[in-house]
Amino acid sequence: MAATPPPPVDYTRRHLRFGWWSLGVFLSLGLLLEVLHGFKVGFYLDVDNEHRRLMWTLAHAHGGLLGLVHVLFGLTLMAAPPIAADRRAQVSGGLITASVLLPAGFFAAGLRVTGLAPALAFLVVPVGGALLMTVVFLVARAADRLP
């Protein structure tokens, strides 16, 4: 008996869902950071924890902005279905991976304050950034080829 092929992946739906859930998570993280700031929690606000504050702010900002990129990518796929059709699986996977690595690296780097030196976890940030730049380049090239 022949195995049935898996159903095609709906990339539009995938990125719209991922984007909106990312926005929910990272806006909630931003609200938590505001609460820590409002209640003057030393773990977050003390001068010794400036590195943590910066890293967690960067995690919040990058996560929220990347959530918007997912929504934009999903809407782009709806408006211009041929965009990156030949590399859609790679673009999709790269965008999701970058959206996990960038904020996770910043957040993890802020978990442990080691003076001014970033934690080892911060090393995943350049990998996520390179993936994001690659994805943006591939989508931009595909957009150039639209009729």
Protein backbone atom coordinates (compact mmCIF):
# COMPACT_ATOMS: atom_id res chain seq x y z
CA MET A 1 0.00 0.00 0.00
CA ALA A 2 1.44 3.37 -1.02
CA ALA A 3 1.90 5.99 1.65
CA THR A 4 -0.14 9.13 1.16
CA PRO A 5 1.95 12.27 0.77
CA PRO A 6 1.75 14.80 3.58
CA PRO A 7 -0.54 17.76 2.96
CA PRO A 8 1.18 20.90 1.64
CA VAL A 9 2.30 23.37 4.26
CA ASP A 10 0.21 26.54 4.47
CA TYR A 11 3.03 29.05 4.94
CA THR A 12 0.68 32.02 5.03
CA ARG A 13 -1.23 30.60 7.98
CA ARG A 14 1.99 29.43 9.67
CA HIS A 15 3.55 32.89 9.66
CA LEU A 16 0.39 34.76 10.56
CA ARG A 17 -0.09 32.48 13.58
CA PHE A 18 3.58 32.58 14.58
CA GLY A 19 3.65 36.36 14.22
CA TRP A 20 0.54 37.08 16.26
CA TRP A 21 1.57 34.64 19.02
CA SER A 22 5.06 36.18 19.06
CA LEU A 23 3.54 39.61 19.48
CA GLY A 24 1.45 38.33 22.37
CA VAL A 25 4.45 36.75 24.10
CA PHE A 26 6.83 39.68 23.62
CA LEU A 27 4.29 42.36 24.47
CA SER A 28 3.63 40.40 27.68
CA LEU A 29 7.38 40.33 28.34
CA GLY A 30 7.45 44.09 27.82
CA LEU A 31 4.63 44.51 30.33
CA LEU A 32 6.58 42.38 32.81
CA LEU A 33 9.65 44.59 32.29
CA GLU A 34 7.47 47.65 32.94
CA VAL A 35 6.21 46.07 36.18
CA LEU A 36 9.79 45.35 37.29
CA HIS A 37 10.64 48.96 36.52
CA GLY A 38 7.52 50.34 38.19
CA PHE A 39 8.09 48.44 41.42
CA LYS A 40 11.81 49.35 41.35
CA VAL A 41 12.91 45.72 41.55
CA GLY A 42 16.65 45.72 42.24
CA PHE A 43 17.16 42.46 40.33
CA TYR A 44 16.27 44.48 37.23
CA LEU A 45 17.06 48.11 38.01
CA ASP A 46 20.19 48.16 40.15
CA VAL A 47 23.25 49.68 38.48
CA ASP A 48 24.99 46.32 38.75
CA ASN A 49 22.21 44.85 36.58
CA GLU A 50 22.42 47.35 33.72
CA HIS A 51 23.57 44.58 31.38
CA ARG A 52 20.50 42.46 32.27
CA ARG A 53 18.18 45.40 31.69
CA LEU A 54 19.71 46.10 28.28
CA MET A 55 19.67 42.45 27.17
CA TRP A 56 16.06 41.90 28.24
CA THR A 57 14.98 45.12 26.57
CA LEU A 58 16.68 43.96 23.38
CA ALA A 59 14.98 40.56 23.65
CA HIS A 60 11.59 42.25 24.01
CA ALA A 61 12.18 44.67 21.12
CA HIS A 62 13.61 42.08 18.72
CA GLY A 63 10.90 39.54 19.54
CA GLY A 64 8.10 42.05 19.00
CA LEU A 65 9.55 43.38 15.76
CA LEU A 66 10.16 39.88 14.42
CA GLY A 67 6.55 39.03 15.24
CA LEU A 68 5.55 41.92 12.98
CA VAL A 69 7.92 40.60 10.29
CA HIS A 70 6.08 37.25 10.41
CA VAL A 71 2.71 38.95 10.03
CA LEU A 72 4.08 41.01 7.15
CA PHE A 73 5.55 37.92 5.50
CA GLY A 74 2.24 36.06 5.86
CA LEU A 75 0.37 38.99 4.30
CA THR A 76 2.98 39.19 1.53
CA LEU A 77 2.39 35.53 0.72
CA MET A 78 -1.34 36.26 0.46
CA ALA A 79 -0.86 39.30 -1.78
CA ALA A 80 1.92 37.88 -3.97
CA PRO A 81 1.81 34.05 -3.89
CA PRO A 82 4.85 33.62 -6.18
CA ILE A 83 7.14 35.25 -3.57
CA ALA A 84 9.99 32.85 -2.81
CA ALA A 85 7.93 29.90 -4.10
CA ASP A 86 11.08 27.98 -5.03
CA ARG A 87 12.64 28.46 -1.58
CA ARG A 88 9.59 28.87 0.62
CA ALA A 89 10.49 26.04 3.03
CA GLN A 90 14.00 27.42 3.58
CA VAL A 91 12.78 31.00 3.96
CA SER A 92 10.06 29.95 6.38
CA GLY A 93 12.38 27.81 8.49
CA GLY A 94 15.08 30.47 8.49
CA LEU A 95 12.66 33.18 9.59
CA ILE A 96 11.27 31.07 12.41
CA THR A 97 14.75 30.03 13.57
CA ALA A 98 15.99 33.64 13.51
CA SER A 99 12.90 34.69 15.45
CA VAL A 100 13.75 32.21 18.18
CA LEU A 101 17.53 32.69 18.27
CA LEU A 102 17.66 36.50 18.38
CA PRO A 103 15.39 37.17 21.37
CA ALA A 104 16.40 33.95 23.16
CA GLY A 105 20.07 34.88 22.89
CA PHE A 106 19.48 38.36 24.26
CA PHE A 107 17.25 37.06 27.05
CA ALA A 108 19.67 34.30 28.06
CA ALA A 109 22.58 36.75 28.02
CA GLY A 110 20.73 38.80 30.61
CA LEU A 111 20.05 35.88 32.94
CA ARG A 112 23.58 35.84 34.24
CA VAL A 113 25.38 39.08 34.81
CA THR A 114 29.13 38.61 34.37
CA GLY A 115 30.33 42.20 34.45
CA LEU A 116 30.32 43.76 31.01
CA ALA A 117 31.10 40.52 29.18
CA PRO A 118 28.02 38.96 27.61
CA ALA A 119 27.09 35.45 28.58
CA LEU A 120 27.91 32.54 26.30
CA ALA A 121 24.26 32.44 25.22
CA PHE A 122 24.73 35.77 23.46
CA LEU A 123 26.74 33.96 20.78
CA VAL A 124 23.52 32.72 19.15
CA VAL A 125 22.49 36.31 18.37
CA PRO A 126 24.86 36.72 15.37
CA VAL A 127 23.66 33.39 13.98
CA GLY A 128 20.05 34.58 14.23
CA GLY A 129 20.99 37.92 12.69
CA ALA A 130 22.74 36.25 9.77
CA LEU A 131 19.74 34.00 9.18
CA LEU A 132 17.41 36.99 9.25
CA MET A 133 19.56 38.91 6.78
CA THR A 134 19.63 35.89 4.46
CA VAL A 135 15.84 35.50 4.59
CA VAL A 136 15.27 39.20 3.92
CA PHE A 137 17.67 39.04 0.97
CA LEU A 138 15.91 35.99 -0.52
CA VAL A 139 12.47 37.56 -0.17
CA ALA A 140 13.69 40.89 -1.58
CA ARG A 141 15.19 39.08 -4.59
CA ALA A 142 11.95 37.20 -5.12
CA ALA A 143 10.01 40.48 -4.91
CA ASP A 144 12.25 41.97 -7.63
CA ARG A 145 11.16 39.18 -9.97
CA LEU A 146 7.44 39.85 -9.57
CA PRO A 147 5.68 40.96 -12.77
